[in-house]
Amino acid sequence: MFMFVNCEKDDVIVEKDDQSEQLTDLITVIVSDNYLGQVKELNYKGYLFLSTDDGNVFAEHTLHNNETITVQEQFDLNNTYNATFLNVVTYPDGFVTYIIKTFNDIRPDVFNLTRKERLNDLGTFKIELANVGSNVEIITSSHSYSLAINNGVMDMDVERETNSSEQSYFVFQRNTDNYKKYLLFDVESDYNVFDYDKLARIDKLIEINYPNFETCRSYVSGSNKFDFSSEINLSTMEAFNSSGQFLFEVPNEFFDNYKVVTHLKKEGLSFYTKEIFSSLLLSYKIPELELSVENSNLSNYTIKSNSDFDYYSTSYVFYDEGMKFDVVWDVYGEKRDAINFSFPTVNSEMSIEFPDFDMFSYAQLGSSVIKYGQTVDYKIFILSKLNKIENKIKFDIKEESVYFKVK
């Protein structure tokens, strides 16, 4: 049975009588000075657990910012083991979020845990747009903003998103026009003046052909940075019970790279694709991926897939405002012939507050298999899931997955 027990304790060092017993370095974790959290109003805790395939935890440690730990245990390296990272976030009103990530079948290695620096208020820049008329709608915007229109002039205060160079993109439509116009420029000044009448129309329509689906949401973004660390959402499509060609509006000023992200549901499976192009594709192909969950028992969870894939994941999500906590638990692993595992028995102070609550009886549960367009090392995959920064997997790859919802 899965259960939570108290973890408010210091790491215990056990003295062994037999000094000849060999200890092995199983994992080294380097925690940055901001990894666990940066918001002063919140309380953060972190834990690391190592477990065997049957879910039994044989090592546990508390994680702290700006700290390096190495876990040493007696372990036969002919076997694999699993690592679980638990982050606990407590809000001022007492609500608690548990973020748990388990990685099956790991080997001794060093993992650097870090997150993107939290930026303070970066201020605003201004846009003055003349000749907009009395009624104009902003269809798409790359930034948050506030505005006022007086005598046909739109004055906008736009929030900066970075302390380095950035692009700003807006799509407008006047109520008297049957076409849209766009504004795309590099923000190099605090005050930027434009004339609506001189803005270019969006007259390039990209047609992407989609097969039959139950629901589909797809968006196109552009970037002049290969890693897409800065991107602009250009156009979005959402439809239900349909198929055929859908139109995406993109500006005349072409970006160096385009990204198309699609979420499509068909016949009980949810498909996801992300692909980078130097020019936009003309058709969408459902990933050739399939899977089923043969056993949803958490002590012997079993996934079956005959597809060619790289990694699998199983996600558990529980939220109940009345219970004053939520849980997001993801389990990841590399492809293998037989995919079955046990959720590890990790420890948390949650049992003190909710000792009799069996959360797995009420949660959403489902699994995915994931395929990339090129070889992605397992360590890089792990860091992309652990680190709260831009995905470290190279962005010139194609990513596909299919999700099967158990409950």
Protein backbone atom coordinates (compact mmCIF):
# COMPACT_ATOMS: atom_id res chain seq x y z
CA MET A 1 0.00 0.00 0.00
CA PHE A 2 1.18 3.48 -0.77
CA MET A 3 1.49 5.67 2.28
CA PHE A 4 3.12 8.86 3.48
CA VAL A 5 5.06 9.15 6.73
CA ASN A 6 6.84 12.04 8.38
CA CYS A 7 10.08 13.26 6.79
CA GLU A 8 10.89 16.13 9.16
CA LYS A 9 14.21 14.77 10.29
CA ASP A 10 17.89 15.20 9.66
CA ASP A 11 19.73 12.77 7.44
CA VAL A 12 20.88 9.79 9.46
CA ILE A 13 24.42 8.42 9.21
CA VAL A 14 24.58 4.76 10.15
CA GLU A 15 27.92 3.50 11.43
CA LYS A 16 28.71 0.08 10.05
CA ASP A 17 30.58 -2.48 12.10
CA ASP A 18 32.23 -4.01 9.06
CA GLN A 19 34.51 -1.27 7.73
CA SER A 20 35.41 -3.44 4.76
CA GLU A 21 31.91 -3.08 3.29
CA GLN A 22 32.19 -1.05 0.10
CA LEU A 23 30.15 2.12 -0.30
CA THR A 24 29.30 3.26 -3.82
CA ASP A 25 28.58 6.79 -5.00
CA LEU A 26 25.07 6.45 -6.43
CA ILE A 27 24.17 10.06 -7.18
CA THR A 28 25.58 13.55 -6.66
CA VAL A 29 23.15 16.46 -6.64
CA ILE A 30 24.38 20.05 -6.92
CA VAL A 31 21.60 22.43 -5.85
CA SER A 32 21.81 26.05 -7.00
CA ASP A 33 21.19 28.92 -4.61
CA ASN A 34 17.65 29.47 -5.96
CA TYR A 35 16.47 26.03 -7.09
CA LEU A 36 13.89 25.30 -4.41
CA GLY A 37 12.21 28.69 -4.74
CA GLN A 38 12.60 32.44 -4.74
CA VAL A 39 9.30 33.95 -3.58
CA LYS A 40 9.71 35.29 -0.05
CA GLU A 41 6.07 34.74 0.88
CA LEU A 42 6.30 30.98 0.22
CA ASN A 43 8.00 28.21 2.17
CA TYR A 44 10.03 25.62 0.24
CA LYS A 45 11.36 22.17 1.12
CA GLY A 46 13.14 19.58 -1.01
CA TYR A 47 13.87 15.87 -0.65
CA LEU A 48 15.68 13.15 -2.59
CA PHE A 49 14.80 9.46 -2.37
CA LEU A 50 16.47 6.42 -3.92
CA SER A 51 14.38 3.28 -4.30
CA THR A 52 14.47 -0.18 -5.82
CA ASP A 53 12.19 -1.34 -8.64
CA ASP A 54 9.68 -2.68 -6.14
CA GLY A 55 9.25 0.80 -4.62
CA ASN A 56 11.24 0.32 -1.42
CA VAL A 57 13.19 3.42 -0.43
CA PHE A 58 16.76 2.66 0.69
CA ALA A 59 18.16 6.22 0.92
CA GLU A 60 16.65 9.62 1.64
CA HIS A 61 18.12 13.09 2.01
CA THR A 62 16.90 16.62 2.55
CA LEU A 63 17.81 19.10 -0.19
CA HIS A 64 18.84 22.68 0.52
CA ASN A 65 19.68 25.55 -1.77
CA ASN A 66 23.38 26.14 -2.44
CA GLU A 67 24.34 22.63 -1.35
CA THR A 68 25.98 19.55 -2.86
CA ILE A 69 25.18 16.06 -1.63
CA THR A 70 26.54 12.67 -2.64
CA VAL A 71 24.56 9.58 -1.72
CA GLN A 72 26.73 6.58 -0.84
CA GLU A 73 25.24 3.17 -0.25
CA GLN A 74 26.09 -0.49 -0.58
CA PHE A 75 24.60 -1.33 -3.95
CA ASP A 76 25.20 -3.79 -6.75
CA LEU A 77 25.69 -1.65 -9.84
CA ASN A 78 24.58 -4.55 -12.02
CA ASN A 79 21.13 -3.42 -10.91
CA THR A 80 19.41 -0.10 -11.58
CA TYR A 81 17.65 2.09 -9.06
CA ASN A 82 15.20 4.95 -9.10
CA ALA A 83 15.55 8.56 -7.97
CA THR A 84 12.64 10.66 -6.70
CA PHE A 85 12.79 14.42 -6.20
CA LEU A 86 10.08 15.91 -3.97
CA ASN A 87 9.49 19.65 -3.74
CA VAL A 88 7.02 20.98 -1.17
CA VAL A 89 5.64 24.51 -1.50
CA THR A 90 3.54 26.01 1.31
CA TYR A 91 1.48 29.15 0.65
CA PRO A 92 0.60 31.86 3.18
CA ASP A 93 -2.96 30.52 3.53
CA GLY A 94 -1.65 27.06 4.43
CA PHE A 95 -2.30 25.43 1.04
CA VAL A 96 0.47 22.97 0.14
CA THR A 97 1.65 21.80 -3.28
CA TYR A 98 3.67 18.57 -3.65
CA ILE A 99 5.68 18.32 -6.87
CA ILE A 100 7.20 14.85 -7.27
CA LYS A 101 9.36 13.56 -10.11
CA THR A 102 10.59 9.96 -10.21
CA PHE A 103 13.17 8.71 -12.70
CA ASN A 104 13.42 4.95 -13.14
CA ASP A 105 16.54 2.99 -14.08
CA ILE A 106 19.22 5.59 -13.37
CA ARG A 107 22.96 5.07 -13.04
CA PRO A 108 25.58 6.91 -10.93
CA ASP A 109 25.94 10.46 -12.19
CA VAL A 110 26.10 14.15 -11.22
CA PHE A 111 22.97 16.30 -11.59
CA ASN A 112 23.01 20.10 -11.43
CA LEU A 113 19.67 21.47 -10.26
CA THR A 114 19.01 25.09 -11.18
CA ARG A 115 16.26 27.45 -12.21
CA LYS A 116 15.96 30.61 -14.22
CA GLU A 117 16.48 33.73 -12.16
CA ARG A 118 13.26 35.43 -11.12
CA LEU A 119 13.29 38.88 -12.65
CA ASN A 120 12.06 41.87 -10.70
CA ASP A 121 9.84 44.51 -12.24
CA LEU A 122 11.60 45.49 -15.46
CA GLY A 123 9.48 48.52 -16.12
CA THR A 124 7.60 49.43 -19.28
CA PHE A 125 8.05 50.97 -22.70
CA LYS A 126 5.51 53.05 -24.59
CA ILE A 127 3.89 52.67 -27.99
CA GLU A 128 2.04 55.53 -29.67
CA LEU A 129 -0.04 54.40 -32.64
CA ALA A 130 -1.72 57.12 -34.70
CA ASN A 131 -4.77 56.86 -36.99
CA VAL A 132 -6.32 53.81 -35.32
CA GLY A 133 -9.83 55.25 -35.52
CA SER A 134 -12.34 55.06 -32.75
CA ASN A 135 -12.61 51.30 -32.44
CA VAL A 136 -9.69 48.91 -32.93
CA GLU A 137 -9.16 45.46 -31.42
CA ILE A 138 -5.85 43.89 -30.44
CA ILE A 139 -6.04 40.30 -31.72
CA THR A 140 -2.61 39.05 -30.64
CA SER A 141 0.06 40.51 -28.38
CA SER A 142 3.49 39.37 -27.32
CA HIS A 143 3.47 41.47 -24.15
CA SER A 144 1.12 42.52 -21.38
CA TYR A 145 -0.12 46.06 -21.81
CA SER A 146 -2.60 48.77 -20.87
CA LEU A 147 -3.96 51.31 -23.35
CA ALA A 148 -6.07 54.37 -23.95
CA ILE A 149 -7.44 55.79 -27.23
CA ASN A 150 -7.95 59.52 -27.62
CA ASN A 151 -8.72 61.31 -30.89
CA GLY A 152 -7.69 58.29 -32.95
CA VAL A 153 -4.35 57.83 -31.18
CA MET A 154 -3.64 54.68 -29.16
CA ASP A 155 -1.25 55.10 -26.25
CA MET A 156 0.06 51.84 -24.79
CA ASP A 157 2.15 51.06 -21.73
CA VAL A 158 3.83 47.71 -22.41
CA GLU A 159 5.56 45.60 -19.76
CA ARG A 160 9.12 44.55 -20.48
CA GLU A 161 9.79 40.81 -20.32
CA THR A 162 13.57 40.72 -20.29
CA ASN A 163 16.50 42.90 -19.28
CA SER A 164 18.09 42.28 -22.69
CA SER A 165 16.94 43.00 -26.24
CA GLU A 166 13.43 41.84 -27.15
CA GLN A 167 10.91 41.98 -29.96
CA SER A 168 7.35 43.22 -29.66
CA TYR A 169 4.49 41.93 -31.79
CA PHE A 170 0.88 43.08 -31.98
CA VAL A 171 -1.96 42.25 -34.38
CA PHE A 172 -4.75 44.82 -34.78
CA GLN A 173 -8.08 45.01 -36.59
CA ARG A 174 -10.31 48.05 -36.93
CA ASN A 175 -14.03 47.46 -36.80
CA THR A 176 -14.35 48.96 -40.29
CA ASP A 177 -11.75 46.63 -41.87
CA ASN A 178 -12.04 43.02 -43.06
CA TYR A 179 -8.28 42.47 -42.71
CA LYS A 180 -5.70 42.59 -39.93
CA LYS A 181 -2.50 44.55 -39.56
CA TYR A 182 0.58 43.80 -37.50
CA LEU A 183 3.34 45.64 -35.72
CA LEU A 184 6.65 43.82 -35.27
CA PHE A 185 9.73 45.68 -34.07
CA ASP A 186 12.84 45.46 -31.91
CA VAL A 187 12.37 47.36 -28.67
CA GLU A 188 15.30 49.74 -28.61
CA SER A 189 13.65 52.79 -27.06
CA ASP A 190 11.35 53.59 -24.17
CA TYR A 191 9.10 55.53 -26.54
CA ASN A 192 8.04 54.13 -29.93
CA VAL A 193 5.82 55.96 -32.45
CA PHE A 194 3.99 54.33 -35.38
CA ASP A 195 1.22 55.14 -37.86
CA TYR A 196 -1.57 52.57 -38.20
CA ASP A 197 -2.10 53.44 -41.86
CA LYS A 198 1.51 52.47 -42.61
CA LEU A 199 1.39 49.09 -40.87
CA ALA A 200 1.56 46.04 -43.14
CA ARG A 201 -1.43 43.79 -43.61
CA ILE A 202 -1.30 40.14 -42.68
CA ASP A 203 -1.90 38.69 -46.11
CA LYS A 204 0.12 35.49 -45.85
CA LEU A 205 -2.11 32.54 -44.98
CA ILE A 206 -0.49 29.20 -44.24
CA GLU A 207 -2.77 26.23 -44.88
CA ILE A 208 -2.10 23.16 -42.76
CA ASN A 209 -4.08 20.03 -43.52
CA TYR A 210 -5.33 18.00 -40.53
CA PRO A 211 -6.84 14.48 -40.45
CA ASN A 212 -10.09 13.68 -38.67
CA PHE A 213 -10.02 14.53 -34.96
CA GLU A 214 -12.27 14.99 -31.95
CA THR A 215 -10.49 18.09 -30.66
CA CYS A 216 -7.44 19.94 -31.94
CA ARG A 217 -5.53 22.98 -30.79
CA SER A 218 -2.49 24.14 -32.70
CA TYR A 219 -0.38 27.27 -32.60
CA VAL A 220 2.43 28.70 -34.70
CA SER A 221 5.20 30.80 -33.18
CA GLY A 222 8.26 32.44 -34.69
CA SER A 223 11.72 33.26 -33.42
CA ASN A 224 15.01 34.58 -34.72
CA LYS A 225 16.79 32.66 -31.97
CA PHE A 226 17.50 29.02 -32.73
CA ASP A 227 16.88 27.88 -29.15
CA PHE A 228 13.47 29.65 -29.07
CA SER A 229 14.44 31.29 -25.77
CA SER A 230 12.45 34.22 -27.16
CA GLU A 231 9.46 33.47 -29.36
CA ILE A 232 6.31 35.20 -30.56
CA ASN A 233 2.96 33.47 -30.86
CA LEU A 234 1.73 34.27 -34.37
CA SER A 235 -1.51 32.37 -34.84
CA THR A 236 -3.70 29.81 -33.06
CA MET A 237 -6.34 27.36 -34.28
CA GLU A 238 -8.84 25.42 -32.16
CA ALA A 239 -11.55 23.16 -33.56
CA PHE A 240 -13.79 20.23 -32.59
CA ASN A 241 -14.96 17.15 -34.53
CA SER A 242 -13.47 18.24 -37.79
CA SER A 243 -10.73 17.79 -40.39
CA GLY A 244 -9.34 19.52 -43.45
CA GLN A 245 -7.33 22.67 -44.06
CA PHE A 246 -6.99 25.35 -41.41
CA LEU A 247 -5.53 28.80 -42.00
CA PHE A 248 -2.78 30.35 -39.91
CA GLU A 249 -2.05 34.04 -40.34
CA VAL A 250 1.61 34.98 -40.21
CA PRO A 251 3.32 38.32 -40.88
CA ASN A 252 5.20 39.15 -44.04
CA GLU A 253 8.45 39.60 -42.16
CA PHE A 254 9.62 36.03 -41.96
CA PHE A 255 11.32 34.67 -38.86
CA ASP A 256 14.40 32.51 -39.06
CA ASN A 257 12.55 29.63 -37.41
CA TYR A 258 8.97 28.62 -36.86
CA LYS A 259 7.56 26.29 -34.22
CA VAL A 260 4.29 24.44 -34.62
CA VAL A 261 2.77 22.85 -31.50
CA THR A 262 -0.32 20.67 -31.82
CA HIS A 263 -2.54 18.93 -29.28
CA LEU A 264 -4.94 16.53 -31.00
CA LYS A 265 -7.35 14.00 -29.52
CA LYS A 266 -8.68 11.04 -31.46
CA GLU A 267 -10.20 7.68 -30.48
CA GLY A 268 -9.40 8.02 -26.79
CA LEU A 269 -5.73 9.00 -27.29
CA SER A 270 -4.22 12.46 -26.96
CA PHE A 271 -1.37 13.27 -29.33
CA TYR A 272 1.22 16.01 -28.92
CA THR A 273 3.75 17.25 -31.44
CA LYS A 274 6.31 20.05 -31.39
CA GLU A 275 8.41 20.70 -34.45
CA ILE A 276 10.82 23.42 -35.54
CA PHE A 277 11.01 24.50 -39.19
CA SER A 278 12.89 27.07 -41.22
CA SER A 279 9.72 27.21 -43.33
CA LEU A 280 6.23 26.20 -42.28
CA LEU A 281 4.89 22.74 -42.97
CA LEU A 282 1.77 22.20 -45.05
CA SER A 283 0.28 19.14 -43.43
CA TYR A 284 0.02 17.56 -40.01
CA LYS A 285 0.62 13.86 -39.48
CA ILE A 286 -0.61 12.06 -36.39
CA PRO A 287 2.38 10.49 -34.59
CA GLU A 288 2.78 6.78 -35.20
CA LEU A 289 2.65 6.06 -31.50
CA GLU A 290 0.33 3.87 -29.47
CA LEU A 291 0.16 2.57 -25.92
CA SER A 292 -2.10 1.01 -23.35
CA VAL A 293 -1.94 0.62 -19.59
CA GLU A 294 -2.16 -3.10 -18.82
CA ASN A 295 -2.11 -2.70 -15.02
CA SER A 296 -2.88 0.52 -13.16
CA ASN A 297 -2.06 -0.93 -9.75
CA LEU A 298 0.58 1.40 -8.33
CA SER A 299 2.62 -1.47 -6.93
CA ASN A 300 2.96 -3.01 -10.41
CA TYR A 301 2.11 -0.31 -12.94
CA THR A 302 2.45 -1.75 -16.44
CA ILE A 303 2.60 0.05 -19.79
CA LYS A 304 2.47 -1.69 -23.15
CA SER A 305 3.50 -0.13 -26.46
CA ASN A 306 4.73 -1.61 -29.73
CA SER A 307 5.80 1.81 -31.00
CA ASP A 308 9.29 3.09 -31.65
CA PHE A 309 9.73 5.59 -28.81
CA ASP A 310 12.47 6.91 -26.51
CA TYR A 311 10.92 7.54 -23.09
CA TYR A 312 7.74 6.92 -21.15
CA SER A 313 6.01 8.94 -18.48
CA THR A 314 3.17 8.36 -16.06
CA SER A 315 1.42 11.34 -14.49
CA TYR A 316 -0.68 11.52 -11.38
CA VAL A 317 -2.54 14.74 -10.57
CA PHE A 318 -4.72 15.39 -7.54
CA TYR A 319 -6.37 18.67 -6.61
CA ASP A 320 -9.07 19.32 -4.06
CA GLU A 321 -9.39 22.80 -2.64
CA GLY A 322 -11.26 21.41 0.35
CA MET A 323 -8.29 19.19 1.24
CA LYS A 324 -5.94 22.20 1.16
CA PHE A 325 -3.26 20.46 -0.88
CA ASP A 326 -2.52 19.21 -4.37
CA VAL A 327 -0.09 16.70 -5.82
CA VAL A 328 1.59 16.47 -9.21
CA TRP A 329 3.63 13.28 -9.57
CA ASP A 330 5.45 12.31 -12.78
CA VAL A 331 7.34 9.05 -13.29
CA TYR A 332 9.78 8.82 -16.21
CA GLY A 333 11.93 6.12 -17.73
CA GLU A 334 13.73 4.91 -20.82
CA LYS A 335 12.14 2.54 -23.27
CA ARG A 336 12.52 -1.11 -22.39
CA ASP A 337 10.87 -4.32 -23.52
CA ALA A 338 8.72 -4.66 -20.39
CA ILE A 339 7.66 -1.40 -18.76
CA ASN A 340 6.46 -2.08 -15.27
CA PHE A 341 7.38 -0.39 -12.01
CA SER A 342 6.15 0.49 -8.54
CA PHE A 343 5.52 4.00 -7.31
CA PRO A 344 8.11 4.44 -4.54
CA THR A 345 7.04 4.88 -0.93
CA VAL A 346 8.36 8.39 -0.40
CA ASN A 347 8.01 10.26 2.84
CA SER A 348 6.36 13.58 3.49
CA GLU A 349 4.90 15.57 6.35
CA MET A 350 1.58 15.30 4.48
CA SER A 351 0.66 12.29 6.60
CA ILE A 352 0.59 14.49 9.68
CA GLU A 353 -2.12 16.69 8.19
CA PHE A 354 -3.97 13.97 6.24
CA PRO A 355 -3.14 10.58 7.81
CA ASP A 356 -6.12 8.64 6.46
CA PHE A 357 -6.41 10.06 2.98
CA ASP A 358 -5.78 7.66 0.10
CA MET A 359 -5.13 10.21 -2.62
CA PHE A 360 -4.75 7.66 -5.42
CA SER A 361 -8.42 6.81 -5.17
CA TYR A 362 -9.36 10.28 -6.35
CA ALA A 363 -6.66 11.34 -8.79
CA GLN A 364 -6.29 11.66 -12.53
CA LEU A 365 -3.87 9.06 -13.84
CA GLY A 366 -2.44 8.49 -17.30
CA SER A 367 0.66 7.56 -19.27
CA SER A 368 2.58 8.73 -22.33
CA VAL A 369 5.32 7.51 -24.62
CA ILE A 370 7.65 10.14 -26.08
CA LYS A 371 9.75 10.15 -29.24
CA TYR A 372 12.39 12.68 -30.31
CA GLY A 373 13.74 13.43 -33.75
CA GLN A 374 17.31 12.68 -32.70
CA THR A 375 19.15 10.86 -29.94
CA VAL A 376 18.57 12.42 -26.53
CA ASP A 377 20.74 11.18 -23.66
CA TYR A 378 18.82 10.06 -20.56
CA LYS A 379 20.69 12.50 -18.32
CA ILE A 380 19.78 15.41 -20.60
CA PHE A 381 16.18 14.20 -20.59
CA ILE A 382 16.18 14.07 -16.77
CA LEU A 383 17.61 17.57 -16.43
CA SER A 384 15.03 18.91 -18.88
CA LYS A 385 12.30 17.68 -16.53
CA LEU A 386 13.98 18.72 -13.28
CA ASN A 387 15.38 22.13 -14.08
CA LYS A 388 13.13 25.17 -14.09
CA ILE A 389 14.82 26.80 -17.07
CA GLU A 390 14.54 26.52 -20.84
CA ASN A 391 14.47 22.91 -21.98
CA LYS A 392 18.05 21.71 -22.35
CA ILE A 393 17.15 19.30 -25.13
CA LYS A 394 18.25 20.81 -28.42
CA PHE A 395 15.45 22.63 -30.16
CA ASP A 396 16.22 21.40 -33.66
CA ILE A 397 14.56 18.11 -32.82
CA LYS A 398 11.03 16.93 -33.31
CA GLU A 399 9.09 15.84 -30.23
CA GLU A 400 6.03 13.59 -30.37
CA SER A 401 4.01 11.86 -27.69
CA VAL A 402 0.74 10.04 -27.16
CA TYR A 403 -1.19 10.07 -23.88
CA PHE A 404 -3.59 7.43 -22.59
CA LYS A 405 -5.83 8.47 -19.70
CA VAL A 406 -6.47 5.72 -17.18
CA LYS A 407 -8.93 7.67 -15.05
